[in-house]
């Protein structure tokens, strides 16, 4: 129905805005709470939001214990660890740069589903896409800056550590997508809302257990910080995951993954306009290389096929022209 298609399109657009803005909310929240408290609050609020949605929709939970065991892994690598890494990283890098690194996820996913989980194969175009993405990451990092800015070596080291943490978060997301493909999608299919609740909920459970390590400490709250945490948790982690699963079910993984192109645009724009952040020339250039790599790695852009000597003289029978 047209209304359903419109609803899915609106949810997709909202995803790009909310997930792009999440890097701004993390940056603001870090002004009054620690990086661990940001991740802890985000996951707890997201879980509570998804639990309400489960009750409202009367969604039944699976009974197989193995499903719960798999989602412990998914919750760790899909939420707990990357949320901690991104929040820690934004102490040393801009929110816009963190959003650009988030866009590397399709590249890390391509590596994980082929090399680690072996559920897909890379053809020539996809291999080139992965290589382009890796080169783009190197350009974003800008290793030459260490040679020309020795006086600020300490600050550059912290910035590099922050960038590597962002990259580690993207690797975690890639691992999660590969793990879901390998162990959940085919063997133990669950509804989208259930998958979102389990992923966020298990991540929250892990951080609850680690509360003495990650969440205890002084806090300094004001209205912008409280609103940032609420928006990040309820909207950016709870409702947004529900939207994501709806779009995934309607459009499939390839089309849904194009939200990757929206989030860094939103993240960079908000960082510049609202926080006064700046980007060096290499970050946008590296991002363009990453986007080119994504197009190739996802099969949206193909290299010209090699033609055999006889292919140009006669078209095979039944081939459309």
Protein backbone atom coordinates (compact mmCIF):
# COMPACT_ATOMS: atom_id res chain seq x y z
CA UNK A 1 0.00 0.00 0.00
CA UNK A 2 1.19 3.55 -0.72
CA UNK A 3 0.75 4.57 2.93
CA UNK A 4 2.96 1.68 4.08
CA UNK A 5 5.65 2.60 1.55
CA UNK A 6 5.50 6.22 2.71
CA UNK A 7 5.78 5.14 6.36
CA UNK A 8 8.86 3.04 5.61
CA UNK A 9 10.45 5.89 3.64
CA UNK A 10 9.80 8.30 6.51
CA UNK A 11 11.31 5.85 9.00
CA UNK A 12 14.38 5.48 6.79
CA UNK A 13 14.82 9.25 6.60
CA UNK A 14 14.33 9.56 10.34
CA UNK A 15 17.02 6.91 10.88
CA UNK A 16 19.56 8.94 8.96
CA UNK A 17 18.73 12.06 10.98
CA UNK A 18 18.61 10.39 14.39
CA UNK A 19 21.71 8.23 13.97
CA UNK A 20 23.61 11.12 12.44
CA UNK A 21 22.61 13.37 15.34
CA UNK A 22 23.56 10.71 17.92
CA UNK A 23 27.22 11.74 17.65
CA UNK A 24 26.24 15.30 18.57
CA UNK A 25 24.24 14.03 21.57
CA UNK A 26 27.21 11.98 22.77
CA UNK A 27 29.49 15.00 22.52
CA UNK A 28 27.10 17.18 24.51
CA UNK A 29 26.50 14.49 27.16
CA UNK A 30 30.24 14.09 27.70
CA UNK A 31 30.24 17.61 29.11
CA UNK A 32 28.71 16.29 32.34
CA UNK A 33 29.09 12.50 32.49
CA UNK A 34 31.80 9.98 31.69
CA UNK A 35 31.98 7.99 28.46
CA UNK A 36 30.93 4.84 30.36
CA UNK A 37 27.92 6.60 31.81
CA UNK A 38 26.91 7.75 28.32
CA UNK A 39 26.91 4.17 27.00
CA UNK A 40 25.28 2.83 30.18
CA UNK A 41 22.41 5.35 30.11
CA UNK A 42 21.95 4.97 26.36
CA UNK A 43 21.54 1.20 26.54
CA UNK A 44 19.35 1.21 29.62
CA UNK A 45 16.96 3.81 28.18
CA UNK A 46 16.92 2.05 24.82
CA UNK A 47 16.05 -1.27 26.44
CA UNK A 48 13.20 0.24 28.44
CA UNK A 49 11.83 1.86 25.28
CA UNK A 50 11.94 -1.39 23.31
CA UNK A 51 10.39 -3.28 26.23
CA UNK A 52 7.42 -0.90 26.11
CA UNK A 53 7.10 -1.49 22.36
CA UNK A 54 7.18 -5.25 22.96
CA UNK A 55 4.35 -4.97 25.49
CA UNK A 56 2.26 -2.70 23.27
CA UNK A 57 2.62 -5.00 20.24
CA UNK A 58 2.30 -8.17 22.39
CA UNK A 59 5.34 -9.67 20.70
CA UNK A 60 6.25 -13.15 21.92
CA UNK A 61 9.82 -13.95 22.85
CA UNK A 62 11.57 -17.09 21.59
CA UNK A 63 11.90 -20.05 23.92
CA UNK A 64 15.15 -21.61 22.65
CA UNK A 65 18.03 -20.98 25.10
CA UNK A 66 20.54 -20.94 22.23
CA UNK A 67 18.92 -17.76 20.87
CA UNK A 68 19.57 -15.96 24.15
CA UNK A 69 23.18 -17.18 24.14
CA UNK A 70 23.74 -15.87 20.61
CA UNK A 71 22.29 -12.49 21.51
CA UNK A 72 24.71 -12.14 24.41
CA UNK A 73 27.45 -12.08 21.77
CA UNK A 74 25.41 -9.77 19.53
CA UNK A 75 24.63 -7.43 22.41
CA UNK A 76 28.31 -7.24 23.35
CA UNK A 77 29.70 -6.57 19.87
CA UNK A 78 26.64 -4.81 18.43
CA UNK A 79 25.98 -2.40 21.31
CA UNK A 80 28.01 -2.53 24.53
CA UNK A 81 31.55 -2.42 23.11
CA UNK A 82 30.96 -0.03 20.15
CA UNK A 83 28.87 2.36 22.28
CA UNK A 84 31.71 2.50 24.82
CA UNK A 85 34.31 2.96 22.07
CA UNK A 86 32.46 5.78 20.30
CA UNK A 87 31.74 7.60 23.58
CA UNK A 88 35.37 7.26 24.68
CA UNK A 89 36.62 8.37 21.27
CA UNK A 90 34.55 11.55 21.24
CA UNK A 91 36.60 12.82 24.15
CA UNK A 92 39.44 13.26 21.62
CA UNK A 93 37.84 13.51 18.16
CA UNK A 94 35.04 15.65 16.79
CA UNK A 95 31.50 14.30 16.53
CA UNK A 96 31.65 14.81 12.77
CA UNK A 97 34.77 12.68 12.41
CA UNK A 98 33.21 9.95 14.56
CA UNK A 99 30.16 9.91 12.27
CA UNK A 100 32.44 9.50 9.25
CA UNK A 101 34.10 6.47 10.85
CA UNK A 102 30.66 4.98 11.49
CA UNK A 103 30.22 4.96 7.70
CA UNK A 104 33.09 2.47 7.43
CA UNK A 105 30.75 -0.25 8.78
CA UNK A 106 29.79 -1.68 5.34
CA UNK A 107 33.49 -2.16 4.57
CA UNK A 108 34.13 -4.00 7.84
CA UNK A 109 30.95 -5.99 7.24
CA UNK A 110 32.19 -7.10 3.82
CA UNK A 111 35.43 -8.30 5.41
CA UNK A 112 33.70 -10.14 8.23
CA UNK A 113 31.05 -11.93 6.15
CA UNK A 114 33.69 -13.17 3.73
CA UNK A 115 36.85 -13.77 5.77
CA UNK A 116 35.56 -14.52 9.27
CA UNK A 117 32.13 -16.10 8.74
CA UNK A 118 32.43 -17.14 5.08
CA UNK A 119 28.76 -16.54 4.24
CA UNK A 120 29.60 -14.49 1.12
CA UNK A 121 32.35 -14.29 -1.48
CA UNK A 122 34.13 -11.24 -2.81
CA UNK A 123 34.38 -10.78 -6.58
CA UNK A 124 36.85 -8.46 -8.28
CA UNK A 125 34.70 -5.34 -7.81
CA UNK A 126 34.08 -6.06 -4.13
CA UNK A 127 37.76 -6.69 -3.45
CA UNK A 128 38.57 -3.34 -5.02
CA UNK A 129 35.84 -1.78 -2.90
CA UNK A 130 37.39 -3.12 0.30
CA UNK A 131 40.81 -1.84 -0.79
CA UNK A 132 39.36 1.60 -1.58
CA UNK A 133 37.68 1.66 1.81
CA UNK A 134 40.91 0.79 3.62
CA UNK A 135 42.79 3.49 1.69
CA UNK A 136 40.01 5.93 2.63
CA UNK A 137 40.47 5.09 6.32
CA UNK A 138 44.22 5.71 6.05
CA UNK A 139 43.54 9.08 4.39
CA UNK A 140 41.08 10.02 7.17
CA UNK A 141 43.63 9.13 9.86
CA UNK A 142 46.28 11.23 8.09
CA UNK A 143 49.47 9.57 9.46
CA UNK A 144 51.61 12.27 7.83
CA UNK A 145 50.34 14.74 10.45
CA UNK A 146 52.65 13.16 13.03
CA UNK A 147 55.68 14.07 10.94
CA UNK A 148 54.72 17.71 10.46
CA UNK A 149 53.32 18.43 13.93
CA UNK A 150 55.90 17.08 16.36
CA UNK A 151 55.18 19.88 18.83
CA UNK A 152 51.62 18.61 19.33
CA UNK A 153 52.63 14.94 19.37
CA UNK A 154 50.77 14.20 22.61
CA UNK A 155 47.49 15.66 21.37
CA UNK A 156 47.88 13.88 18.04
CA UNK A 157 48.47 10.58 19.84
CA UNK A 158 45.20 10.97 21.74
CA UNK A 159 43.39 11.91 18.54
CA UNK A 160 44.84 8.85 16.80
CA UNK A 161 43.71 6.68 19.71
CA UNK A 162 40.23 8.17 19.37
CA UNK A 163 40.16 7.48 15.65
CA UNK A 164 41.30 3.90 16.21
CA UNK A 165 38.54 3.48 18.81
CA UNK A 166 35.98 4.66 16.22
CA UNK A 167 37.43 2.19 13.74
CA UNK A 168 37.22 -0.54 16.38
CA UNK A 169 33.53 0.25 16.84
CA UNK A 170 32.95 -0.09 13.09
CA UNK A 171 34.74 -3.46 13.17
CA UNK A 172 32.42 -4.55 16.00
CA UNK A 173 29.39 -3.60 13.91
CA UNK A 174 30.78 -5.56 10.95
CA UNK A 175 31.35 -8.58 13.19
CA UNK A 176 27.77 -8.31 14.47
CA UNK A 177 26.23 -8.28 10.99
CA UNK A 178 28.31 -11.31 10.01
CA UNK A 179 27.40 -13.14 13.23
CA UNK A 180 23.69 -12.50 12.69
CA UNK A 181 23.94 -13.77 9.11
CA UNK A 182 25.79 -16.89 10.25
CA UNK A 183 23.93 -17.90 13.39
CA UNK A 184 20.56 -16.11 13.59
CA UNK A 185 19.12 -15.21 10.18
CA UNK A 186 19.08 -18.75 8.77
CA UNK A 187 18.99 -20.93 11.90
CA UNK A 188 16.92 -19.01 14.45
CA UNK A 189 14.88 -16.30 12.71
CA UNK A 190 13.16 -13.83 15.05
CA UNK A 191 10.99 -10.80 14.45
CA UNK A 192 12.65 -7.45 13.91
CA UNK A 193 11.38 -5.96 17.16
CA UNK A 194 12.51 -9.03 19.11
CA UNK A 195 15.98 -8.86 17.54
CA UNK A 196 16.25 -5.16 18.39
CA UNK A 197 15.15 -5.77 22.00
CA UNK A 198 17.55 -8.66 22.51
CA UNK A 199 20.51 -6.85 20.94
CA UNK A 200 20.05 -3.65 22.94
CA UNK A 201 18.84 -5.49 26.05
CA UNK A 202 21.80 -7.87 26.21
CA UNK A 203 24.14 -4.93 25.72
CA UNK A 204 22.43 -3.16 28.61
CA UNK A 205 22.66 -6.29 30.78
CA UNK A 206 26.41 -6.50 30.16
CA UNK A 207 26.94 -2.88 31.18
CA UNK A 208 24.68 -3.32 34.21
CA UNK A 209 26.97 -6.12 35.38
CA UNK A 210 29.94 -3.81 34.74
CA UNK A 211 28.32 -0.82 36.48
CA UNK A 212 31.05 -0.50 39.15
CA UNK A 213 33.64 -0.26 36.38
CA UNK A 214 31.92 1.83 33.70
CA UNK A 215 29.15 3.85 35.33
CA UNK A 216 30.14 4.88 38.84
CA UNK A 217 31.58 8.35 39.19
CA UNK A 218 30.66 12.02 39.51
CA UNK A 219 28.02 13.55 37.27
CA UNK A 220 27.19 17.14 36.46
CA UNK A 221 23.78 17.40 34.86
CA UNK A 222 22.09 20.32 33.18
CA UNK A 223 19.18 20.49 30.77
CA UNK A 224 21.17 20.00 27.52
CA UNK A 225 23.00 16.99 28.97
CA UNK A 226 19.80 15.36 30.28
CA UNK A 227 17.98 15.96 27.00
CA UNK A 228 20.95 14.57 25.04
CA UNK A 229 21.00 11.37 27.12
CA UNK A 230 17.23 10.93 26.86
CA UNK A 231 17.23 11.52 23.10
CA UNK A 232 20.24 9.27 22.58
CA UNK A 233 18.68 6.44 24.59
CA UNK A 234 14.95 6.61 23.91
CA UNK A 235 15.01 7.84 20.31
CA UNK A 236 18.48 7.01 19.00
CA UNK A 237 18.76 3.54 20.55
CA UNK A 238 15.22 2.41 21.30
CA UNK A 239 12.84 3.77 18.65
CA UNK A 240 15.56 3.97 15.97
CA UNK A 241 16.34 0.25 16.23
CA UNK A 242 12.61 -0.46 15.84
CA UNK A 243 12.52 1.75 12.73
CA UNK A 244 15.63 0.05 11.40
CA UNK A 245 14.09 -3.41 11.66
CA UNK A 246 10.91 -2.20 9.92
CA UNK A 247 12.91 -0.77 7.02
CA UNK A 248 15.06 -3.91 6.89
CA UNK A 249 11.99 -6.14 6.61
CA UNK A 250 10.46 -3.92 3.91
CA UNK A 251 13.48 -3.06 1.76
CA UNK A 252 16.05 -5.75 2.51
CA UNK A 253 19.61 -5.33 3.79
CA UNK A 254 21.17 -3.75 0.70
CA UNK A 255 18.73 -0.88 0.37
CA UNK A 256 18.53 -0.35 4.11
CA UNK A 257 22.31 -0.06 4.37
CA UNK A 258 22.20 3.15 2.30
CA UNK A 259 21.37 4.92 5.57
CA UNK A 260 25.16 4.82 5.92
CA UNK A 261 25.35 7.67 3.39
CA UNK A 262 23.04 9.89 5.43
CA UNK A 263 24.49 9.59 8.94
CA UNK A 264 27.92 11.18 8.30
CA UNK A 265 26.36 14.04 6.33
CA UNK A 266 24.04 14.80 9.25
CA UNK A 267 26.78 14.24 11.83
CA UNK A 268 29.30 16.53 10.13
CA UNK A 269 26.68 19.24 9.45
CA UNK A 270 25.46 19.32 13.06
CA UNK A 271 29.00 19.27 14.42
CA UNK A 272 29.99 22.26 12.32
CA UNK A 273 26.80 24.31 12.80
CA UNK A 274 26.03 23.61 16.48
CA UNK A 275 29.45 22.83 17.98
CA UNK A 276 31.73 24.89 15.75
CA UNK A 277 33.78 21.85 14.76
CA UNK A 278 36.14 21.85 11.80
CA UNK A 279 37.43 19.09 9.54
CA UNK A 280 40.84 18.93 7.90
CA UNK A 281 40.96 18.40 4.13
CA UNK A 282 41.82 14.70 4.42
CA UNK A 283 38.64 13.70 6.30
CA UNK A 284 36.15 14.53 3.47
CA UNK A 285 38.55 13.08 0.87
CA UNK A 286 38.91 9.87 2.84
CA UNK A 287 35.14 9.72 3.30
CA UNK A 288 34.65 9.91 -0.48
CA UNK A 289 37.03 6.97 -0.92
CA UNK A 290 35.11 5.05 1.73
CA UNK A 291 31.81 5.75 -0.03
CA UNK A 292 33.31 4.59 -3.33
CA UNK A 293 34.47 1.45 -1.56
CA UNK A 294 30.98 0.88 -0.18
CA UNK A 295 29.44 1.17 -3.65
CA UNK A 296 31.86 -1.45 -4.97
CA UNK A 297 31.75 -3.73 -1.92
CA UNK A 298 27.94 -3.82 -1.94
CA UNK A 299 27.74 -4.51 -5.66
CA UNK A 300 26.13 -1.17 -6.51
CA UNK A 301 29.03 -0.27 -8.78
CA UNK A 302 30.76 -2.84 -10.98
CA UNK A 303 34.01 -2.87 -12.88
CA UNK A 304 33.72 -3.53 -16.63
CA UNK A 305 33.75 -7.24 -17.34
CA UNK A 306 36.66 -8.69 -19.20
CA UNK A 307 35.69 -9.73 -22.70
CA UNK A 308 37.07 -12.82 -24.36
CA UNK A 309 38.34 -12.60 -27.94
CA UNK A 310 35.30 -14.39 -29.33
CA UNK A 311 32.76 -12.46 -27.24
CA UNK A 312 32.86 -9.42 -29.48
CA UNK A 313 32.00 -11.31 -32.66
CA UNK A 314 28.90 -13.27 -31.69
CA UNK A 315 26.29 -12.85 -28.97
CA UNK A 316 25.39 -16.07 -27.12
CA UNK A 317 21.95 -17.45 -27.93
CA UNK A 318 19.21 -16.22 -25.64
CA UNK A 319 21.20 -13.21 -24.30
CA UNK A 320 19.15 -10.06 -24.10
CA UNK A 321 20.42 -7.03 -26.00
